[in-house]
Amino acid sequence: MKRMLNEATAFREEMIEGYVAAYSRFLRRVPDASGVAALGAPAAGKVAVVVGGGSGHYPAFYGLVGEGLASAGVIGDIFSSPSGEQAYRVAKAVESGSGVL
């Protein structure tokens, strides 16, 4: 199986950077977290929806983030779940006072 990556240890960060660069009209990077958020998030009066999981099937979770879809996505390393801290940071970035699912 062929893989396209520079360094395995930098895979997650480089993937996030590239994905946000390609879709910057829809997404923004969540600072200090392995996540992205929809540009309109957080939406006042709406419950935010955060999706996430391991980053082995790219861009599975980030592909679900956008207007009318999930508010944000968080990923872990290849085939590893994101940490609770990462999920918390992404959830806080899109929380508008109406809750986060």
PDB file of N, CA and C in Angstrom:
ATOM      1  N   MET A   1       0.842  -1.173   0.000  1.00  0.00           N
ATOM      2  CA  MET A   1       0.000   0.000   0.000  1.00  0.00           C
ATOM      3  C   MET A   1       0.887   1.237   0.000  1.00  0.00           C
ATOM      4  N   LYS A   2       0.584   2.181  -0.863  1.00  0.00           N
ATOM      5  CA  LYS A   2       1.340   3.430  -0.947  1.00  0.00           C
ATOM      6  C   LYS A   2       0.765   4.456   0.017  1.00  0.00           C
ATOM      7  N   ARG A   3       1.663   5.219   0.609  1.00  0.00           N
ATOM      8  CA  ARG A   3       1.248   6.290   1.514  1.00  0.00           C
ATOM      9  C   ARG A   3       1.935   7.578   1.092  1.00  0.00           C
ATOM     10  N   MET A   4       1.226   8.674   1.240  1.00  0.00           N
ATOM     11  CA  MET A   4       1.801   9.977   0.923  1.00  0.00           C
ATOM     12  C   MET A   4       1.907  10.775   2.208  1.00  0.00           C
ATOM     13  N   LEU A   5       3.110  10.840   2.756  1.00  0.00           N
ATOM     14  CA  LEU A   5       3.347  11.619   3.961  1.00  0.00           C
ATOM     15  C   LEU A   5       4.811  11.975   4.048  1.00  0.00           C
ATOM     16  N   ASN A   6       5.103  13.030   4.778  1.00  0.00           N
ATOM     17  CA  ASN A   6       6.486  13.453   4.956  1.00  0.00           C
ATOM     18  C   ASN A   6       7.129  12.687   6.103  1.00  0.00           C
ATOM     19  N   GLU A   7       6.598  12.838   7.289  1.00  0.00           N
ATOM     20  CA  GLU A   7       7.084  12.162   8.485  1.00  0.00           C
ATOM     21  C   GLU A   7       5.893  11.574   9.219  1.00  0.00           C
ATOM     22  N   ALA A   8       5.981  10.322   9.596  1.00  0.00           N
ATOM     23  CA  ALA A   8       4.863   9.681  10.292  1.00  0.00           C
ATOM     24  C   ALA A   8       4.513  10.412  11.587  1.00  0.00           C
ATOM     25  N   THR A   9       5.508  10.941  12.269  1.00  0.00           N
ATOM     26  CA  THR A   9       5.254  11.621  13.543  1.00  0.00           C
ATOM     27  C   THR A   9       4.534  12.957  13.359  1.00  0.00           C
ATOM     28  N   ALA A  10       4.602  13.520  12.161  1.00  0.00           N
ATOM     29  CA  ALA A  10       3.959  14.808  11.892  1.00  0.00           C
ATOM     30  C   ALA A  10       2.679  14.647  11.076  1.00  0.00           C
ATOM     31  N   PHE A  11       2.257  13.414  10.857  1.00  0.00           N
ATOM     32  CA  PHE A  11       1.127  13.151   9.966  1.00  0.00           C
ATOM     33  C   PHE A  11      -0.136  13.912  10.361  1.00  0.00           C
ATOM     34  N   ARG A  12      -0.553  13.797  11.601  1.00  0.00           N
ATOM     35  CA  ARG A  12      -1.804  14.427  12.030  1.00  0.00           C
ATOM     36  C   ARG A  12      -1.760  15.937  11.828  1.00  0.00           C
ATOM     37  N   GLU A  13      -0.696  16.578  12.277  1.00  0.00           N
ATOM     38  CA  GLU A  13      -0.595  18.037  12.160  1.00  0.00           C
ATOM     39  C   GLU A  13      -0.557  18.479  10.702  1.00  0.00           C
ATOM     40  N   GLU A  14       0.190  17.756   9.863  1.00  0.00           N
ATOM     41  CA  GLU A  14       0.272  18.119   8.453  1.00  0.00           C
ATOM     42  C   GLU A  14      -1.058  17.889   7.739  1.00  0.00           C
ATOM     43  N   MET A  15      -1.782  16.849   8.133  1.00  0.00           N
ATOM     44  CA  MET A  15      -3.074  16.583   7.528  1.00  0.00           C
ATOM     45  C   MET A  15      -4.061  17.701   7.872  1.00  0.00           C
ATOM     46  N   ILE A  16      -4.070  18.119   9.137  1.00  0.00           N
ATOM     47  CA  ILE A  16      -4.970  19.201   9.550  1.00  0.00           C
ATOM     48  C   ILE A  16      -4.617  20.486   8.804  1.00  0.00           C
ATOM     49  N   GLU A  17      -3.333  20.792   8.751  1.00  0.00           N
ATOM     50  CA  GLU A  17      -2.866  21.999   8.075  1.00  0.00           C
ATOM     51  C   GLU A  17      -3.292  21.995   6.604  1.00  0.00           C
ATOM     52  N   GLY A  18      -3.097  20.876   5.928  1.00  0.00           N
ATOM     53  CA  GLY A  18      -3.466  20.778   4.517  1.00  0.00           C
ATOM     54  C   GLY A  18      -4.959  20.841   4.292  1.00  0.00           C
ATOM     55  N   TYR A  19      -5.709  20.189   5.158  1.00  0.00           N
ATOM     56  CA  TYR A  19      -7.165  20.175   5.007  1.00  0.00           C
ATOM     57  C   TYR A  19      -7.746  21.569   5.194  1.00  0.00           C
ATOM     58  N   VAL A  20      -7.255  22.287   6.198  1.00  0.00           N
ATOM     59  CA  VAL A  20      -7.730  23.654   6.435  1.00  0.00           C
ATOM     60  C   VAL A  20      -7.304  24.567   5.285  1.00  0.00           C
ATOM     61  N   ALA A  21      -6.108  24.384   4.753  1.00  0.00           N
ATOM     62  CA  ALA A  21      -5.665  25.199   3.622  1.00  0.00           C
ATOM     63  C   ALA A  21      -6.551  24.962   2.396  1.00  0.00           C
ATOM     64  N   ALA A  22      -6.933  23.717   2.171  1.00  0.00           N
ATOM     65  CA  ALA A  22      -7.760  23.384   1.009  1.00  0.00           C
ATOM     66  C   ALA A  22      -9.204  23.858   1.158  1.00  0.00           C
ATOM     67  N   TYR A  23      -9.708  23.869   2.385  1.00  0.00           N
ATOM     68  CA  TYR A  23     -11.120  24.192   2.617  1.00  0.00           C
ATOM     69  C   TYR A  23     -11.313  25.390   3.539  1.00  0.00           C
ATOM     70  N   SER A  24     -10.420  26.358   3.441  1.00  0.00           N
ATOM     71  CA  SER A  24     -10.463  27.512   4.346  1.00  0.00           C
ATOM     72  C   SER A  24     -11.713  28.369   4.166  1.00  0.00           C
ATOM     73  N   ARG A  25     -12.415  28.224   3.089  1.00  0.00           N
ATOM     74  CA  ARG A  25     -13.656  28.991   2.936  1.00  0.00           C
ATOM     75  C   ARG A  25     -14.809  28.372   3.725  1.00  0.00           C
ATOM     76  N   PHE A  26     -14.581  27.157   4.264  1.00  0.00           N
ATOM     77  CA  PHE A  26     -15.599  26.468   5.050  1.00  0.00           C
ATOM     78  C   PHE A  26     -15.182  26.202   6.494  1.00  0.00           C
ATOM     79  N   LEU A  27     -13.871  26.055   6.719  1.00  0.00           N
ATOM     80  CA  LEU A  27     -13.355  25.597   8.012  1.00  0.00           C
ATOM     81  C   LEU A  27     -12.295  26.517   8.573  1.00  0.00           C
ATOM     82  N   ARG A  28     -12.107  26.410   9.887  1.00  0.00           N
ATOM     83  CA  ARG A  28     -10.977  27.072  10.550  1.00  0.00           C
ATOM     84  C   ARG A  28     -10.351  26.068  11.503  1.00  0.00           C
ATOM     85  N   ARG A  29      -9.098  26.252  11.769  1.00  0.00           N
ATOM     86  CA  ARG A  29      -8.391  25.386  12.708  1.00  0.00           C
ATOM     87  C   ARG A  29      -8.746  25.808  14.128  1.00  0.00           C
ATOM     88  N   VAL A  30      -8.935  24.839  15.011  1.00  0.00           N
ATOM     89  CA  VAL A  30      -9.144  25.136  16.427  1.00  0.00           C
ATOM     90  C   VAL A  30      -7.758  25.244  17.054  1.00  0.00           C
ATOM     91  N   PRO A  31      -7.392  26.400  17.613  1.00  0.00           N
ATOM     92  CA  PRO A  31      -6.055  26.577  18.188  1.00  0.00           C
ATOM     93  C   PRO A  31      -5.774  25.587  19.321  1.00  0.00           C
ATOM     94  N   ASP A  32      -4.563  25.098  19.371  1.00  0.00           N
ATOM     95  CA  ASP A  32      -4.101  24.199  20.437  1.00  0.00           C
ATOM     96  C   ASP A  32      -4.921  22.920  20.543  1.00  0.00           C
ATOM     97  N   ALA A  33      -5.450  22.448  19.431  1.00  0.00           N
ATOM     98  CA  ALA A  33      -6.217  21.198  19.428  1.00  0.00           C
ATOM     99  C   ALA A  33      -6.095  20.551  18.054  1.00  0.00           C
ATOM    100  N   SER A  34      -6.355  19.270  17.994  1.00  0.00           N
ATOM    101  CA  SER A  34      -6.314  18.575  16.707  1.00  0.00           C
ATOM    102  C   SER A  34      -7.711  18.566  16.109  1.00  0.00           C
ATOM    103  N   GLY A  35      -8.237  19.773  15.893  1.00  0.00           N
ATOM    104  CA  GLY A  35      -9.592  19.868  15.395  1.00  0.00           C
ATOM    105  C   GLY A  35      -9.815  21.038  14.471  1.00  0.00           C
ATOM    106  N   VAL A  36     -10.946  20.969  13.782  1.00  0.00           N
ATOM    107  CA  VAL A  36     -11.394  22.054  12.922  1.00  0.00           C
ATOM    108  C   VAL A  36     -12.827  22.397  13.303  1.00  0.00           C
ATOM    109  N   ALA A  37     -13.243  23.610  12.977  1.00  0.00           N
ATOM    110  CA  ALA A  37     -14.610  24.051  13.236  1.00  0.00           C
ATOM    111  C   ALA A  37     -15.156  24.711  11.981  1.00  0.00           C
ATOM    112  N   ALA A  38     -16.452  24.622  11.804  1.00  0.00           N
ATOM    113  CA  ALA A  38     -17.107  25.310  10.699  1.00  0.00           C
ATOM    114  C   ALA A  38     -16.944  26.810  10.897  1.00  0.00           C
ATOM    115  N   LEU A  39     -16.819  27.556   9.818  1.00  0.00           N
ATOM    116  CA  LEU A  39     -16.617  29.002   9.941  1.00  0.00           C
ATOM    117  C   LEU A  39     -17.744  29.684  10.697  1.00  0.00           C
ATOM    118  N   GLY A  40     -18.964  29.216  10.597  1.00  0.00           N
ATOM    119  CA  GLY A  40     -20.084  29.838  11.295  1.00  0.00           C
ATOM    120  C   GLY A  40     -20.248  29.406  12.735  1.00  0.00           C
ATOM    121  N   ALA A  41     -19.406  28.508  13.201  1.00  0.00           N
ATOM    122  CA  ALA A  41     -19.530  27.987  14.577  1.00  0.00           C
ATOM    123  C   ALA A  41     -18.718  28.850  15.535  1.00  0.00           C
ATOM    124  N   PRO A  42     -19.210  29.114  16.726  1.00  0.00           N
ATOM    125  CA  PRO A  42     -20.462  28.640  17.299  1.00  0.00           C
ATOM    126  C   PRO A  42     -21.642  29.492  16.843  1.00  0.00           C
ATOM    127  N   ALA A  43     -22.762  28.838  16.615  1.00  0.00           N
ATOM    128  CA  ALA A  43     -23.986  29.530  16.213  1.00  0.00           C
ATOM    129  C   ALA A  43     -24.833  29.777  17.458  1.00  0.00           C
ATOM    130  N   ALA A  44     -25.176  31.019  17.700  1.00  0.00           N
ATOM    131  CA  ALA A  44     -25.952  31.375  18.894  1.00  0.00           C
ATOM    132  C   ALA A  44     -27.289  30.643  18.907  1.00  0.00           C
ATOM    133  N   GLY A  45     -27.634  30.103  20.068  1.00  0.00           N
ATOM    134  CA  GLY A  45     -28.907  29.436  20.235  1.00  0.00           C
ATOM    135  C   GLY A  45     -28.989  28.031  19.679  1.00  0.00           C
ATOM    136  N   LYS A  46     -27.883  27.494  19.202  1.00  0.00           N
ATOM    137  CA  LYS A  46     -27.870  26.151  18.618  1.00  0.00           C
ATOM    138  C   LYS A  46     -26.980  25.228  19.433  1.00  0.00           C
ATOM    139  N   VAL A  47     -27.373  23.968  19.528  1.00  0.00           N
ATOM    140  CA  VAL A  47     -26.526  22.952  20.149  1.00  0.00           C
ATOM    141  C   VAL A  47     -25.431  22.610  19.147  1.00  0.00           C
ATOM    142  N   ALA A  48     -24.181  22.671  19.575  1.00  0.00           N
ATOM    143  CA  ALA A  48     -23.062  22.323  18.700  1.00  0.00           C
ATOM    144  C   ALA A  48     -22.915  20.805  18.644  1.00  0.00           C
ATOM    145  N   VAL A  49     -22.579  20.289  17.469  1.00  0.00           N
ATOM    146  CA  VAL A  49     -22.338  18.862  17.287  1.00  0.00           C
ATOM    147  C   VAL A  49     -20.869  18.683  16.927  1.00  0.00           C
ATOM    148  N   VAL A  50     -20.158  17.864  17.713  1.00  0.00           N
ATOM    149  CA  VAL A  50     -18.741  17.592  17.468  1.00  0.00           C
ATOM    150  C   VAL A  50     -18.598  16.117  17.121  1.00  0.00           C
ATOM    151  N   VAL A  51     -17.915  15.830  16.010  1.00  0.00           N
ATOM    152  CA  VAL A  51     -17.653  14.458  15.585  1.00  0.00           C
ATOM    153  C   VAL A  51     -16.162  14.198  15.694  1.00  0.00           C
ATOM    154  N   GLY A  52     -15.776  12.932  15.748  1.00  0.00           N
ATOM    155  CA  GLY A  52     -14.354  12.660  15.804  1.00  0.00           C
ATOM    156  C   GLY A  52     -14.016  11.200  15.927  1.00  0.00           C
ATOM    157  N   GLY A  53     -12.712  10.930  15.865  1.00  0.00           N
ATOM    158  CA  GLY A  53     -12.186   9.579  15.973  1.00  0.00           C
ATOM    159  C   GLY A  53     -10.753   9.537  15.487  1.00  0.00           C
ATOM    160  N   GLY A  54     -10.278   8.347  15.182  1.00  0.00           N
ATOM    161  CA  GLY A  54      -8.915   8.171  14.674  1.00  0.00           C
ATOM    162  C   GLY A  54      -8.776   8.738  13.273  1.00  0.00           C
ATOM    163  N   SER A  55      -7.559   9.060  12.870  1.00  0.00           N
ATOM    164  CA  SER A  55      -7.351   9.718  11.578  1.00  0.00           C
ATOM    165  C   SER A  55      -6.928   8.768  10.469  1.00  0.00           C
ATOM    166  N   GLY A  56      -7.208   7.507  10.575  1.00  0.00           N
ATOM    167  CA  GLY A  56      -6.773   6.563   9.548  1.00  0.00           C
ATOM    168  C   GLY A  56      -7.574   6.580   8.266  1.00  0.00           C
ATOM    169  N   HIS A  57      -8.817   6.978   8.317  1.00  0.00           N
ATOM    170  CA  HIS A  57      -9.659   6.980   7.118  1.00  0.00           C
ATOM    171  C   HIS A  57      -9.977   8.416   6.748  1.00  0.00           C
ATOM    172  N   TYR A  58      -9.000   9.089   6.211  1.00  0.00           N
ATOM    173  CA  TYR A  58      -9.068  10.518   5.959  1.00  0.00           C
ATOM    174  C   TYR A  58     -10.023  10.836   4.837  1.00  0.00           C
ATOM    175  N   PRO A  59     -10.655  11.941   4.897  1.00  0.00           N
ATOM    176  CA  PRO A  59     -10.827  12.848   6.024  1.00  0.00           C
ATOM    177  C   PRO A  59     -12.146  12.579   6.740  1.00  0.00           C
ATOM    178  N   ALA A  60     -12.418  11.345   7.017  1.00  0.00           N
ATOM    179  CA  ALA A  60     -13.727  10.886   7.492  1.00  0.00           C
ATOM    180  C   ALA A  60     -14.459  11.882   8.379  1.00  0.00           C
ATOM    181  N   PHE A  61     -13.856  12.314   9.450  1.00  0.00           N
ATOM    182  CA  PHE A  61     -14.577  13.158  10.401  1.00  0.00           C
ATOM    183  C   PHE A  61     -14.597  14.618   9.981  1.00  0.00           C
ATOM    184  N   TYR A  62     -13.525  15.103   9.402  1.00  0.00           N
ATOM    185  CA  TYR A  62     -13.501  16.492   8.962  1.00  0.00           C
ATOM    186  C   TYR A  62     -14.435  16.708   7.787  1.00  0.00           C
ATOM    187  N   GLY A  63     -14.687  15.675   7.009  1.00  0.00           N
ATOM    188  CA  GLY A  63     -15.610  15.780   5.887  1.00  0.00           C
ATOM    189  C   GLY A  63     -17.051  15.985   6.313  1.00  0.00           C
ATOM    190  N   LEU A  64     -17.332  15.787   7.584  1.00  0.00           N
ATOM    191  CA  LEU A  64     -18.686  15.964   8.114  1.00  0.00           C
ATOM    192  C   LEU A  64     -18.897  17.330   8.749  1.00  0.00           C
ATOM    193  N   VAL A  65     -17.884  18.195   8.694  1.00  0.00           N
ATOM    194  CA  VAL A  65     -17.949  19.508   9.341  1.00  0.00           C
ATOM    195  C   VAL A  65     -18.286  20.575   8.306  1.00  0.00           C
ATOM    196  N   GLY A  66     -19.265  21.385   8.606  1.00  0.00           N
ATOM    197  CA  GLY A  66     -19.618  22.486   7.711  1.00  0.00           C
ATOM    198  C   GLY A  66     -21.022  22.973   7.974  1.00  0.00           C
ATOM    199  N   GLU A  67     -21.440  23.956   7.215  1.00  0.00           N
ATOM    200  CA  GLU A  67     -22.773  24.526   7.377  1.00  0.00           C
ATOM    201  C   GLU A  67     -23.834  23.451   7.145  1.00  0.00           C
ATOM    202  N   GLY A  68     -24.748  23.316   8.094  1.00  0.00           N
ATOM    203  CA  GLY A  68     -25.792  22.308   7.999  1.00  0.00           C
ATOM    204  C   GLY A  68     -25.339  20.919   8.408  1.00  0.00           C
ATOM    205  N   LEU A  69     -24.087  20.797   8.809  1.00  0.00           N
ATOM    206  CA  LEU A  69     -23.526  19.515   9.236  1.00  0.00           C
ATOM    207  C   LEU A  69     -23.013  19.672  10.666  1.00  0.00           C
ATOM    208  N   ALA A  70     -21.962  18.964  11.014  1.00  0.00           N
ATOM    209  CA  ALA A  70     -21.375  19.075  12.350  1.00  0.00           C
ATOM    210  C   ALA A  70     -20.704  20.438  12.521  1.00  0.00           C
ATOM    211  N   SER A  71     -20.666  20.899  13.757  1.00  0.00           N
ATOM    212  CA  SER A  71     -20.043  22.187  14.077  1.00  0.00           C
ATOM    213  C   SER A  71     -18.530  22.094  14.078  1.00  0.00           C
ATOM    214  N   ALA A  72     -18.004  20.921  14.469  1.00  0.00           N
ATOM    215  CA  ALA A  72     -16.555  20.747  14.577  1.00  0.00           C
ATOM    216  C   ALA A  72     -16.199  19.275  14.503  1.00  0.00           C
ATOM    217  N   GLY A  73     -14.916  19.025  14.271  1.00  0.00           N
ATOM    218  CA  GLY A  73     -14.401  17.665  14.256  1.00  0.00           C
ATOM    219  C   GLY A  73     -13.074  17.620  14.975  1.00  0.00           C
ATOM    220  N   VAL A  74     -12.794  16.502  15.615  1.00  0.00           N
ATOM    221  CA  VAL A  74     -11.536  16.305  16.342  1.00  0.00           C
ATOM    222  C   VAL A  74     -10.999  14.929  15.970  1.00  0.00           C
ATOM    223  N   ILE A  75      -9.688  14.841  15.743  1.00  0.00           N
ATOM    224  CA  ILE A  75      -9.091  13.560  15.380  1.00  0.00           C
ATOM    225  C   ILE A  75      -7.911  13.228  16.274  1.00  0.00           C
ATOM    226  N   GLY A  76      -7.618  11.948  16.353  1.00  0.00           N
ATOM    227  CA  GLY A  76      -6.432  11.471  17.040  1.00  0.00           C
ATOM    228  C   GLY A  76      -5.385  11.095  16.015  1.00  0.00           C
ATOM    229  N   ASP A  77      -4.359  10.420  16.459  1.00  0.00           N
ATOM    230  CA  ASP A  77      -3.353   9.921  15.527  1.00  0.00           C
ATOM    231  C   ASP A  77      -3.952   8.783  14.711  1.00  0.00           C
ATOM    232  N   ILE A  78      -3.179   8.224  13.802  1.00  0.00           N
ATOM    233  CA  ILE A  78      -3.669   7.163  12.927  1.00  0.00           C
ATOM    234  C   ILE A  78      -4.243   6.020  13.757  1.00  0.00           C
ATOM    235  N   PHE A  79      -5.504   5.704  13.512  1.00  0.00           N
ATOM    236  CA  PHE A  79      -6.249   4.632  14.167  1.00  0.00           C
ATOM    237  C   PHE A  79      -6.284   4.754  15.689  1.00  0.00           C
ATOM    238  N   SER A  80      -6.171   5.965  16.201  1.00  0.00           N
ATOM    239  CA  SER A  80      -6.248   6.223  17.647  1.00  0.00           C
ATOM    240  C   SER A  80      -7.252   7.334  17.901  1.00  0.00           C
ATOM    241  N   SER A  81      -8.033   7.167  18.919  1.00  0.00           N
ATOM    242  CA  SER A  81      -9.003   8.205  19.269  1.00  0.00           C
ATOM    243  C   SER A  81      -8.293   9.452  19.777  1.00  0.00           C
ATOM    244  N   PRO A  82      -8.916  10.622  19.616  1.00  0.00           N
ATOM    245  CA  PRO A  82      -8.337  11.830  20.196  1.00  0.00           C
ATOM    246  C   PRO A  82      -8.430  11.751  21.716  1.00  0.00           C
ATOM    247  N   SER A  83      -7.566  12.469  22.382  1.00  0.00           N
ATOM    248  CA  SER A  83      -7.603  12.478  23.845  1.00  0.00           C
ATOM    249  C   SER A  83      -8.824  13.255  24.326  1.00  0.00           C
ATOM    250  N   GLY A  84      -9.186  13.045  25.570  1.00  0.00           N
ATOM    251  CA  GLY A  84     -10.282  13.801  26.162  1.00  0.00           C
ATOM    252  C   GLY A  84      -9.994  15.288  26.155  1.00  0.00           C
ATOM    253  N   GLU A  85      -8.737  15.644  26.380  1.00  0.00           N
ATOM    254  CA  GLU A  85      -8.340  17.055  26.371  1.00  0.00           C
ATOM    255  C   GLU A  85      -8.544  17.668  24.990  1.00  0.00           C
ATOM    256  N   GLN A  86      -8.169  16.939  23.932  1.00  0.00           N
ATOM    257  CA  GLN A  86      -8.362  17.447  22.571  1.00  0.00           C
ATOM    258  C   GLN A  86      -9.850  17.653  22.283  1.00  0.00           C
ATOM    259  N   ALA A  87     -10.666  16.658  22.644  1.00  0.00           N
ATOM    260  CA  ALA A  87     -12.112  16.758  22.420  1.00  0.00           C
ATOM    261  C   ALA A  87     -12.700  17.935  23.202  1.00  0.00           C
ATOM    262  N   TYR A  88     -12.241  18.125  24.430  1.00  0.00           N
ATOM    263  CA  TYR A  88     -12.717  19.235  25.264  1.00  0.00           C
ATOM    264  C   TYR A  88     -12.387  20.584  24.621  1.00  0.00           C
ATOM    265  N   ARG A  89     -11.162  20.736  24.137  1.00  0.00           N
ATOM    266  CA  ARG A  89     -10.758  22.006  23.523  1.00  0.00           C
ATOM    267  C   ARG A  89     -11.595  22.327  22.287  1.00  0.00           C
ATOM    268  N   VAL A  90     -11.850  21.309  21.476  1.00  0.00           N
ATOM    269  CA  VAL A  90     -12.660  21.519  20.275  1.00  0.00           C
ATOM    270  C   VAL A  90     -14.101  21.846  20.668  1.00  0.00           C
ATOM    271  N   ALA A  91     -14.645  21.133  21.645  1.00  0.00           N
ATOM    272  CA  ALA A  91     -16.012  21.400  22.103  1.00  0.00           C
ATOM    273  C   ALA A  91     -16.137  22.821  22.653  1.00  0.00           C
ATOM    274  N   LYS A  92     -15.156  23.279  23.424  1.00  0.00           N
ATOM    275  CA  LYS A  92     -15.180  24.640  23.975  1.00  0.00           C
ATOM    276  C   LYS A  92     -15.134  25.687  22.863  1.00  0.00           C
ATOM    277  N   ALA A  93     -14.449  25.364  21.770  1.00  0.00           N
ATOM    278  CA  ALA A  93     -14.324  26.321  20.668  1.00  0.00           C
ATOM    279  C   ALA A  93     -15.644  26.564  19.946  1.00  0.00           C
ATOM    280  N   VAL A  94     -16.585  25.618  20.027  1.00  0.00           N
ATOM    281  CA  VAL A  94     -17.855  25.775  19.313  1.00  0.00           C
ATOM    282  C   VAL A  94     -19.060  25.873  20.245  1.00  0.00           C
ATOM    283  N   GLU A  95     -18.840  25.921  21.539  1.00  0.00           N
ATOM    284  CA  GLU A  95     -19.928  25.997  22.518  1.00  0.00           C
ATOM    285  C   GLU A  95     -20.459  27.426  22.557  1.00  0.00           C
ATOM    286  N   SER A  96     -21.783  27.577  22.401  1.00  0.00           N
ATOM    287  CA  SER A  96     -22.374  28.915  22.364  1.00  0.00           C
ATOM    288  C   SER A  96     -23.329  29.180  23.523  1.00  0.00           C
ATOM    289  N   GLY A  97     -23.351  28.279  24.505  1.00  0.00           N
ATOM    290  CA  GLY A  97     -24.257  28.442  25.629  1.00  0.00           C
ATOM    291  C   GLY A  97     -25.477  27.546  25.551  1.00  0.00           C
ATOM    292  N   SER A  98     -25.630  26.843  24.446  1.00  0.00           N
ATOM    293  CA  SER A  98     -26.787  25.961  24.262  1.00  0.00           C
ATOM    294  C   SER A  98     -26.430  24.489  24.362  1.00  0.00           C
ATOM    295  N   GLY A  99     -25.174  24.195  24.649  1.00  0.00           N
ATOM    296  CA  GLY A  99     -24.744  22.812  24.814  1.00  0.00           C
ATOM    297  C   GLY A  99     -23.949  22.278  23.639  1.00  0.00           C
ATOM    298  N   VAL A 100     -23.300  21.141  23.890  1.00  0.00           N
ATOM    299  CA  VAL A 100     -22.487  20.465  22.875  1.00  0.00           C
ATOM    300  C   VAL A 100     -22.807  18.984  22.921  1.00  0.00           C
ATOM    301  N   LEU A 101     -22.997  18.400  21.765  1.00  0.00           N
ATOM    302  CA  LEU A 101     -23.229  16.964  21.658  1.00  0.00           C
ATOM    303  C   LEU A 101     -22.054  16.351  20.941  1.00  0.00           C
TER     304      LEU A 101
END
